[in-house]
């Protein structure tokens, strides 16, 4: 039986429609801890999720 986790994916507020994610850019010296860098495009939903680490990038309301 799997145990439920109480940790939600990280949410990052951004100001541009195009964002990059490598899973470790905020970790000091963490390039080896992440995943390949991917570029993501935020569409009309106003957010996009990284397929590798599930980090969610949400477009700031002023940037719409």
PDB file of N, CA and C in Angstrom:
ATOM      1  N   UNK A   1       0.850  -1.161   0.000  1.00  0.00           N
ATOM      2  CA  UNK A   1       0.000   0.000   0.000  1.00  0.00           C
ATOM      3  C   UNK A   1       0.907   1.239   0.000  1.00  0.00           C
ATOM      4  N   UNK A   2       0.590   2.214  -0.841  1.00  0.00           N
ATOM      5  CA  UNK A   2       1.390   3.438  -0.894  1.00  0.00           C
ATOM      6  C   UNK A   2       0.873   4.440   0.120  1.00  0.00           C
ATOM      7  N   UNK A   3       1.786   5.172   0.688  1.00  0.00           N
ATOM      8  CA  UNK A   3       1.440   6.190   1.672  1.00  0.00           C
ATOM      9  C   UNK A   3       1.176   7.516   0.965  1.00  0.00           C
ATOM     10  N   UNK A   4       0.122   8.247   1.340  1.00  0.00           N
ATOM     11  CA  UNK A   4      -0.120   9.555   0.730  1.00  0.00           C
ATOM     12  C   UNK A   4       0.968  10.536   1.158  1.00  0.00           C
ATOM     13  N   UNK A   5       1.326  11.415   0.238  1.00  0.00           N
ATOM     14  CA  UNK A   5       2.313  12.440   0.575  1.00  0.00           C
ATOM     15  C   UNK A   5       1.600  13.752   0.792  1.00  0.00           C
ATOM     16  N   UNK A   6       2.105  14.544   1.712  1.00  0.00           N
ATOM     17  CA  UNK A   6       1.474  15.830   1.999  1.00  0.00           C
ATOM     18  C   UNK A   6       2.276  16.980   1.412  1.00  0.00           C
ATOM     19  N   UNK A   7       3.213  16.677   0.519  1.00  0.00           N
ATOM     20  CA  UNK A   7       4.005  17.730  -0.110  1.00  0.00           C
ATOM     21  C   UNK A   7       3.477  17.967  -1.519  1.00  0.00           C
ATOM     22  N   UNK A   8       3.053  19.175  -1.765  1.00  0.00           N
ATOM     23  CA  UNK A   8       2.552  19.545  -3.086  1.00  0.00           C
ATOM     24  C   UNK A   8       3.721  19.954  -3.966  1.00  0.00           C
ATOM     25  N   UNK A   9       3.575  19.840  -5.299  1.00  0.00           N
ATOM     26  CA  UNK A   9       4.631  20.308  -6.186  1.00  0.00           C
ATOM     27  C   UNK A   9       4.900  21.797  -5.969  1.00  0.00           C
ATOM     28  N   UNK A  10       6.125  22.196  -6.206  1.00  0.00           N
ATOM     29  CA  UNK A  10       6.513  23.595  -6.040  1.00  0.00           C
ATOM     30  C   UNK A  10       5.813  24.469  -7.084  1.00  0.00           C
ATOM     31  N   UNK A  11       5.381  25.657  -6.676  1.00  0.00           N
ATOM     32  CA  UNK A  11       4.763  26.624  -7.583  1.00  0.00           C
ATOM     33  C   UNK A  11       5.662  27.845  -7.663  1.00  0.00           C
ATOM     34  N   UNK A  12       5.921  28.287  -8.898  1.00  0.00           N
ATOM     35  CA  UNK A  12       6.783  29.439  -9.136  1.00  0.00           C
ATOM     36  C   UNK A  12       5.976  30.483  -9.908  1.00  0.00           C
ATOM     37  N   UNK A  13       5.910  31.709  -9.396  1.00  0.00           N
ATOM     38  CA  UNK A  13       5.237  32.810 -10.088  1.00  0.00           C
ATOM     39  C   UNK A  13       6.250  33.437 -11.045  1.00  0.00           C
ATOM     40  N   UNK A  14       5.869  33.563 -12.324  1.00  0.00           N
ATOM     41  CA  UNK A  14       6.775  34.101 -13.344  1.00  0.00           C
ATOM     42  C   UNK A  14       6.120  35.278 -14.057  1.00  0.00           C
ATOM     43  N   UNK A  15       6.918  36.036 -14.794  1.00  0.00           N
ATOM     44  CA  UNK A  15       6.429  37.232 -15.483  1.00  0.00           C
ATOM     45  C   UNK A  15       6.525  37.128 -16.992  1.00  0.00           C
ATOM     46  N   UNK A  16       6.941  35.970 -17.510  1.00  0.00           N
ATOM     47  CA  UNK A  16       7.040  35.767 -18.956  1.00  0.00           C
ATOM     48  C   UNK A  16       6.320  34.482 -19.342  1.00  0.00           C
ATOM     49  N   UNK A  17       5.895  34.394 -20.594  1.00  0.00           N
ATOM     50  CA  UNK A  17       5.186  33.215 -21.082  1.00  0.00           C
ATOM     51  C   UNK A  17       6.125  32.039 -21.323  1.00  0.00           C
ATOM     52  N   UNK A  18       7.399  32.305 -21.522  1.00  0.00           N
ATOM     53  CA  UNK A  18       8.380  31.252 -21.790  1.00  0.00           C
ATOM     54  C   UNK A  18       9.301  31.124 -20.581  1.00  0.00           C
ATOM     55  N   UNK A  19       9.391  29.921 -20.040  1.00  0.00           N
ATOM     56  CA  UNK A  19      10.206  29.673 -18.849  1.00  0.00           C
ATOM     57  C   UNK A  19      11.088  28.452 -19.078  1.00  0.00           C
ATOM     58  N   UNK A  20      12.167  28.373 -18.320  1.00  0.00           N
ATOM     59  CA  UNK A  20      13.029  27.193 -18.384  1.00  0.00           C
ATOM     60  C   UNK A  20      13.013  26.503 -17.030  1.00  0.00           C
ATOM     61  N   UNK A  21      13.211  25.199 -17.059  1.00  0.00           N
ATOM     62  CA  UNK A  21      13.262  24.431 -15.828  1.00  0.00           C
ATOM     63  C   UNK A  21      14.342  23.373 -15.974  1.00  0.00           C
ATOM     64  N   UNK A  22      15.196  23.264 -14.958  1.00  0.00           N
ATOM     65  CA  UNK A  22      16.174  22.188 -14.920  1.00  0.00           C
ATOM     66  C   UNK A  22      16.071  21.398 -13.618  1.00  0.00           C
ATOM     67  N   UNK A  23      15.057  21.712 -12.830  1.00  0.00           N
ATOM     68  CA  UNK A  23      14.799  20.983 -11.606  1.00  0.00           C
ATOM     69  C   UNK A  23      15.711  21.323 -10.452  1.00  0.00           C
ATOM     70  N   UNK A  24      16.747  22.135 -10.693  1.00  0.00           N
ATOM     71  CA  UNK A  24      17.690  22.420  -9.615  1.00  0.00           C
ATOM     72  C   UNK A  24      18.272  23.817  -9.698  1.00  0.00           C
ATOM     73  N   UNK A  25      17.700  24.697 -10.506  1.00  0.00           N
ATOM     74  CA  UNK A  25      18.291  26.024 -10.692  1.00  0.00           C
ATOM     75  C   UNK A  25      18.320  26.835  -9.401  1.00  0.00           C
ATOM     76  N   UNK A  26      17.426  26.542  -8.474  1.00  0.00           N
ATOM     77  CA  UNK A  26      17.402  27.272  -7.203  1.00  0.00           C
ATOM     78  C   UNK A  26      18.250  26.604  -6.125  1.00  0.00           C
ATOM     79  N   UNK A  27      18.822  25.446  -6.444  1.00  0.00           N
ATOM     80  CA  UNK A  27      19.642  24.718  -5.488  1.00  0.00           C
ATOM     81  C   UNK A  27      21.099  25.100  -5.707  1.00  0.00           C
ATOM     82  N   UNK A  28      21.755  25.574  -4.682  1.00  0.00           N
ATOM     83  CA  UNK A  28      23.153  26.000  -4.790  1.00  0.00           C
ATOM     84  C   UNK A  28      24.018  24.824  -5.247  1.00  0.00           C
ATOM     85  N   UNK A  29      24.657  24.990  -6.408  1.00  0.00           N
ATOM     86  CA  UNK A  29      25.489  23.918  -6.946  1.00  0.00           C
ATOM     87  C   UNK A  29      24.701  22.677  -7.300  1.00  0.00           C
ATOM     88  N   UNK A  30      23.411  22.847  -7.612  1.00  0.00           N
ATOM     89  CA  UNK A  30      22.527  21.702  -7.762  1.00  0.00           C
ATOM     90  C   UNK A  30      22.329  21.179  -9.161  1.00  0.00           C
ATOM     91  N   UNK A  31      23.157  21.569 -10.122  1.00  0.00           N
ATOM     92  CA  UNK A  31      22.958  21.114 -11.494  1.00  0.00           C
ATOM     93  C   UNK A  31      22.919  19.590 -11.578  1.00  0.00           C
ATOM     94  N   UNK A  32      23.742  18.915 -10.788  1.00  0.00           N
ATOM     95  CA  UNK A  32      23.764  17.455 -10.822  1.00  0.00           C
ATOM     96  C   UNK A  32      22.526  16.856 -10.168  1.00  0.00           C
ATOM     97  N   UNK A  33      21.775  17.660  -9.421  1.00  0.00           N
ATOM     98  CA  UNK A  33      20.603  17.152  -8.718  1.00  0.00           C
ATOM     99  C   UNK A  33      19.321  17.272  -9.530  1.00  0.00           C
ATOM    100  N   UNK A  34      19.366  17.964 -10.657  1.00  0.00           N
ATOM    101  CA  UNK A  34      18.150  18.256 -11.405  1.00  0.00           C
ATOM    102  C   UNK A  34      17.887  17.298 -12.546  1.00  0.00           C
ATOM    103  N   UNK A  35      17.339  17.842 -13.623  1.00  0.00           N
ATOM    104  CA  UNK A  35      17.006  17.089 -14.828  1.00  0.00           C
ATOM    105  C   UNK A  35      17.454  17.901 -16.028  1.00  0.00           C
ATOM    106  N   UNK A  36      17.367  17.349 -17.238  1.00  0.00           N
ATOM    107  CA  UNK A  36      17.758  18.140 -18.419  1.00  0.00           C
ATOM    108  C   UNK A  36      16.951  19.431 -18.492  1.00  0.00           C
ATOM    109  N   UNK A  37      17.593  20.519 -18.916  1.00  0.00           N
ATOM    110  CA  UNK A  37      16.895  21.804 -19.037  1.00  0.00           C
ATOM    111  C   UNK A  37      15.850  21.707 -20.142  1.00  0.00           C
ATOM    112  N   UNK A  38      14.648  22.145 -19.814  1.00  0.00           N
ATOM    113  CA  UNK A  38      13.562  22.201 -20.789  1.00  0.00           C
ATOM    114  C   UNK A  38      12.979  23.602 -20.799  1.00  0.00           C
ATOM    115  N   UNK A  39      12.500  24.021 -21.957  1.00  0.00           N
ATOM    116  CA  UNK A  39      11.817  25.307 -22.102  1.00  0.00           C
ATOM    117  C   UNK A  39      10.335  25.019 -22.206  1.00  0.00           C
ATOM    118  N   UNK A  40       9.545  25.752 -21.443  1.00  0.00           N
ATOM    119  CA  UNK A  40       8.104  25.546 -21.377  1.00  0.00           C
ATOM    120  C   UNK A  40       7.387  26.827 -21.766  1.00  0.00           C
ATOM    121  N   UNK A  41       6.229  26.691 -22.388  1.00  0.00           N
ATOM    122  CA  UNK A  41       5.445  27.838 -22.838  1.00  0.00           C
ATOM    123  C   UNK A  41       4.112  27.852 -22.100  1.00  0.00           C
ATOM    124  N   UNK A  42       3.805  28.961 -21.436  1.00  0.00           N
ATOM    125  CA  UNK A  42       2.541  29.110 -20.721  1.00  0.00           C
ATOM    126  C   UNK A  42       1.469  29.542 -21.719  1.00  0.00           C
ATOM    127  N   UNK A  43       0.358  28.815 -21.750  1.00  0.00           N
ATOM    128  CA  UNK A  43      -0.714  29.127 -22.700  1.00  0.00           C
ATOM    129  C   UNK A  43      -1.855  29.871 -22.008  1.00  0.00           C
ATOM    130  N   UNK A  44      -3.033  29.814 -22.592  1.00  0.00           N
ATOM    131  CA  UNK A  44      -4.176  30.576 -22.078  1.00  0.00           C
ATOM    132  C   UNK A  44      -4.641  30.116 -20.702  1.00  0.00           C
ATOM    133  N   UNK A  45      -4.231  28.927 -20.260  1.00  0.00           N
ATOM    134  CA  UNK A  45      -4.568  28.467 -18.911  1.00  0.00           C
ATOM    135  C   UNK A  45      -3.893  29.327 -17.852  1.00  0.00           C
ATOM    136  N   UNK A  46      -2.744  29.921 -18.216  1.00  0.00           N
ATOM    137  CA  UNK A  46      -2.032  30.772 -17.271  1.00  0.00           C
ATOM    138  C   UNK A  46      -0.974  30.050 -16.460  1.00  0.00           C
ATOM    139  N   UNK A  47      -0.760  28.773 -16.753  1.00  0.00           N
ATOM    140  CA  UNK A  47       0.281  28.015 -16.056  1.00  0.00           C
ATOM    141  C   UNK A  47       0.759  26.869 -16.924  1.00  0.00           C
ATOM    142  N   UNK A  48       1.902  26.304 -16.548  1.00  0.00           N
ATOM    143  CA  UNK A  48       2.426  25.111 -17.206  1.00  0.00           C
ATOM    144  C   UNK A  48       3.174  24.293 -16.162  1.00  0.00           C
ATOM    145  N   UNK A  49       3.095  22.969 -16.284  1.00  0.00           N
ATOM    146  CA  UNK A  49       3.782  22.069 -15.362  1.00  0.00           C
ATOM    147  C   UNK A  49       4.963  21.422 -16.067  1.00  0.00           C
ATOM    148  N   UNK A  50       6.075  21.310 -15.356  1.00  0.00           N
ATOM    149  CA  UNK A  50       7.246  20.631 -15.903  1.00  0.00           C
ATOM    150  C   UNK A  50       6.976  19.130 -15.907  1.00  0.00           C
ATOM    151  N   UNK A  51       7.239  18.494 -17.025  1.00  0.00           N
ATOM    152  CA  UNK A  51       7.022  17.049 -17.146  1.00  0.00           C
ATOM    153  C   UNK A  51       8.021  16.207 -16.371  1.00  0.00           C
ATOM    154  N   UNK A  52       9.147  16.783 -16.006  1.00  0.00           N
ATOM    155  CA  UNK A  52      10.152  16.050 -15.244  1.00  0.00           C
ATOM    156  C   UNK A  52       9.915  16.125 -13.736  1.00  0.00           C
ATOM    157  N   UNK A  53       9.777  17.342 -13.209  1.00  0.00           N
ATOM    158  CA  UNK A  53       9.754  17.511 -11.749  1.00  0.00           C
ATOM    159  C   UNK A  53       8.405  17.994 -11.210  1.00  0.00           C
ATOM    160  N   UNK A  54       7.433  18.198 -12.077  1.00  0.00           N
ATOM    161  CA  UNK A  54       6.086  18.642 -11.695  1.00  0.00           C
ATOM    162  C   UNK A  54       6.032  20.056 -11.120  1.00  0.00           C
ATOM    163  N   UNK A  55       7.138  20.806 -11.224  1.00  0.00           N
ATOM    164  CA  UNK A  55       7.120  22.203 -10.775  1.00  0.00           C
ATOM    165  C   UNK A  55       6.098  22.947 -11.639  1.00  0.00           C
ATOM    166  N   UNK A  56       5.256  23.756 -11.019  1.00  0.00           N
ATOM    167  CA  UNK A  56       4.242  24.523 -11.753  1.00  0.00           C
ATOM    168  C   UNK A  56       4.678  25.964 -11.864  1.00  0.00           C
ATOM    169  N   UNK A  57       4.658  26.473 -13.080  1.00  0.00           N
ATOM    170  CA  UNK A  57       4.977  27.872 -13.350  1.00  0.00           C
ATOM    171  C   UNK A  57       3.675  28.592 -13.652  1.00  0.00           C
ATOM    172  N   UNK A  58       3.369  29.612 -12.839  1.00  0.00           N
ATOM    173  CA  UNK A  58       2.111  30.357 -12.960  1.00  0.00           C
ATOM    174  C   UNK A  58       2.441  31.768 -13.408  1.00  0.00           C
ATOM    175  N   UNK A  59       1.785  32.211 -14.465  1.00  0.00           N
ATOM    176  CA  UNK A  59       1.998  33.562 -14.986  1.00  0.00           C
ATOM    177  C   UNK A  59       1.359  34.576 -14.054  1.00  0.00           C
ATOM    178  N   UNK A  60       2.143  35.561 -13.641  1.00  0.00           N
ATOM    179  CA  UNK A  60       1.663  36.637 -12.789  1.00  0.00           C
ATOM    180  C   UNK A  60       0.489  37.326 -13.480  1.00  0.00           C
ATOM    181  N   UNK A  61      -0.556  37.662 -12.753  1.00  0.00           N
ATOM    182  CA  UNK A  61      -1.746  38.273 -13.331  1.00  0.00           C
ATOM    183  C   UNK A  61      -1.472  39.542 -14.108  1.00  0.00           C
ATOM    184  N   UNK A  62      -0.479  40.330 -13.712  1.00  0.00           N
ATOM    185  CA  UNK A  62      -0.136  41.573 -14.408  1.00  0.00           C
ATOM    186  C   UNK A  62       0.520  41.302 -15.754  1.00  0.00           C
ATOM    187  N   UNK A  63       1.034  40.083 -15.948  1.00  0.00           N
ATOM    188  CA  UNK A  63       1.739  39.779 -17.183  1.00  0.00           C
ATOM    189  C   UNK A  63       0.824  39.252 -18.278  1.00  0.00           C
ATOM    190  N   UNK A  64      -0.439  38.977 -17.940  1.00  0.00           N
ATOM    191  CA  UNK A  64      -1.389  38.460 -18.950  1.00  0.00           C
ATOM    192  C   UNK A  64      -1.500  39.499 -19.999  1.00  0.00           C
TER     193      UNK A  64
END
